[in-house]
Amino acid sequence: MILLSRLPKATLPLVSVVVPLVDVVIAFPVLLLMLAIGDELRWSLLICPLLLPLQALLMAGVAWLAAAGSVFFRDVPNVVALGLTLTST
């Protein structure tokens, strides 16, 4: 199915980057509102939206590296899943 598709294969790892980025874009105004109500809003927090494109670019690079590594080594998806599990706790 993927061989017959006209979708460029390089865009497939970007799905794992764009979906969490959409969650952040939706949740950030809610966070700002909650902090504004609680009088905890700092001016330095308003710089965070400027860092989102840089974070997305770095995450895309890691996703492309992991995708390229999984072509040559079978265990790369398992190592990535283990690394994500260990860093999320």
Protein backbone atom coordinates (compact mmCIF):
# COMPACT_ATOMS: atom_id res chain seq x y z
CA MET A 1 0.00 0.00 0.00
CA ILE A 2 2.76 2.45 0.87
CA LEU A 3 4.63 1.55 -2.30
CA LEU A 4 1.67 2.59 -4.44
CA SER A 5 1.07 5.84 -2.61
CA ARG A 6 2.11 9.21 -4.00
CA LEU A 7 2.82 10.41 -0.47
CA PRO A 8 6.54 11.14 -0.01
CA LYS A 9 8.00 8.66 2.45
CA ALA A 10 9.95 11.40 4.22
CA THR A 11 6.70 12.87 5.54
CA LEU A 12 5.71 9.74 7.49
CA PRO A 13 8.00 10.41 10.50
CA LEU A 14 6.64 13.96 10.64
CA VAL A 15 3.27 12.62 11.77
CA SER A 16 4.84 11.71 15.12
CA VAL A 17 6.05 15.32 15.41
CA VAL A 18 2.99 17.23 14.23
CA VAL A 19 0.39 15.45 16.38
CA PRO A 20 1.99 16.34 19.76
CA LEU A 21 2.74 19.83 18.45
CA VAL A 22 -0.97 20.37 17.77
CA ASP A 23 -1.68 19.29 21.35
CA VAL A 24 0.79 21.87 22.64
CA VAL A 25 -0.67 24.63 20.46
CA ILE A 26 -4.14 23.86 21.81
CA ALA A 27 -3.07 23.55 25.45
CA PHE A 28 -0.78 26.59 25.63
CA PRO A 29 -3.55 29.24 25.70
CA VAL A 30 -5.28 27.25 28.44
CA LEU A 31 -2.04 27.23 30.43
CA LEU A 32 -1.63 30.98 29.96
CA LEU A 33 -5.21 31.57 31.12
CA MET A 34 -4.74 29.41 34.21
CA LEU A 35 -1.50 31.18 35.10
CA ALA A 36 -3.05 34.61 34.52
CA ILE A 37 -5.93 33.79 36.85
CA GLY A 38 -3.57 32.52 39.54
CA ASP A 39 -1.24 35.56 39.27
CA GLU A 40 1.69 33.31 38.33
CA LEU A 41 2.10 34.61 34.77
CA ARG A 42 5.66 35.73 33.99
CA TRP A 43 6.83 37.60 30.90
CA SER A 44 9.45 34.94 30.24
CA LEU A 45 6.67 32.39 29.63
CA LEU A 46 5.56 34.35 26.58
CA ILE A 47 8.84 33.41 24.86
CA CYS A 48 7.74 29.74 24.76
CA PRO A 49 5.68 30.04 21.53
CA LEU A 50 8.79 31.34 19.79
CA LEU A 51 10.62 28.15 20.76
CA LEU A 52 7.97 25.81 19.32
CA PRO A 53 9.31 25.91 15.72
CA LEU A 54 12.81 25.12 16.98
CA GLN A 55 11.48 22.24 19.06
CA ALA A 56 9.49 20.93 16.08
CA LEU A 57 12.58 21.09 13.87
CA LEU A 58 14.70 19.20 16.39
CA MET A 59 11.98 16.59 16.92
CA ALA A 60 11.66 16.12 13.15
CA GLY A 61 15.41 15.53 12.92
CA VAL A 62 15.30 12.91 15.65
CA ALA A 63 12.30 11.24 13.99
CA TRP A 64 14.09 11.13 10.62
CA LEU A 65 17.23 9.70 12.24
CA ALA A 66 15.21 7.03 14.03
CA ALA A 67 13.36 6.19 10.82
CA ALA A 68 16.62 5.89 8.88
CA GLY A 69 18.14 3.78 11.63
CA SER A 70 15.18 1.42 11.69
CA VAL A 71 15.74 0.66 8.00
CA PHE A 72 19.18 -0.77 8.73
CA PHE A 73 18.74 -2.07 12.28
CA ARG A 74 15.68 -3.99 13.43
CA ASP A 75 15.98 -3.02 17.08
CA VAL A 76 15.84 0.77 16.65
CA PRO A 77 12.04 1.02 17.20
CA ASN A 78 12.39 -1.03 20.41
CA VAL A 79 15.28 1.16 21.64
CA VAL A 80 13.30 4.33 20.87
CA ALA A 81 10.25 2.97 22.72
CA LEU A 82 12.42 2.01 25.70
CA GLY A 83 14.08 5.44 25.73
CA LEU A 84 10.70 7.19 25.65
CA THR A 85 9.44 4.99 28.47
CA LEU A 86 12.46 5.68 30.64
CA THR A 87 12.42 9.44 30.08
CA SER A 88 8.67 9.84 30.67
CA THR A 89 8.83 8.54 34.24
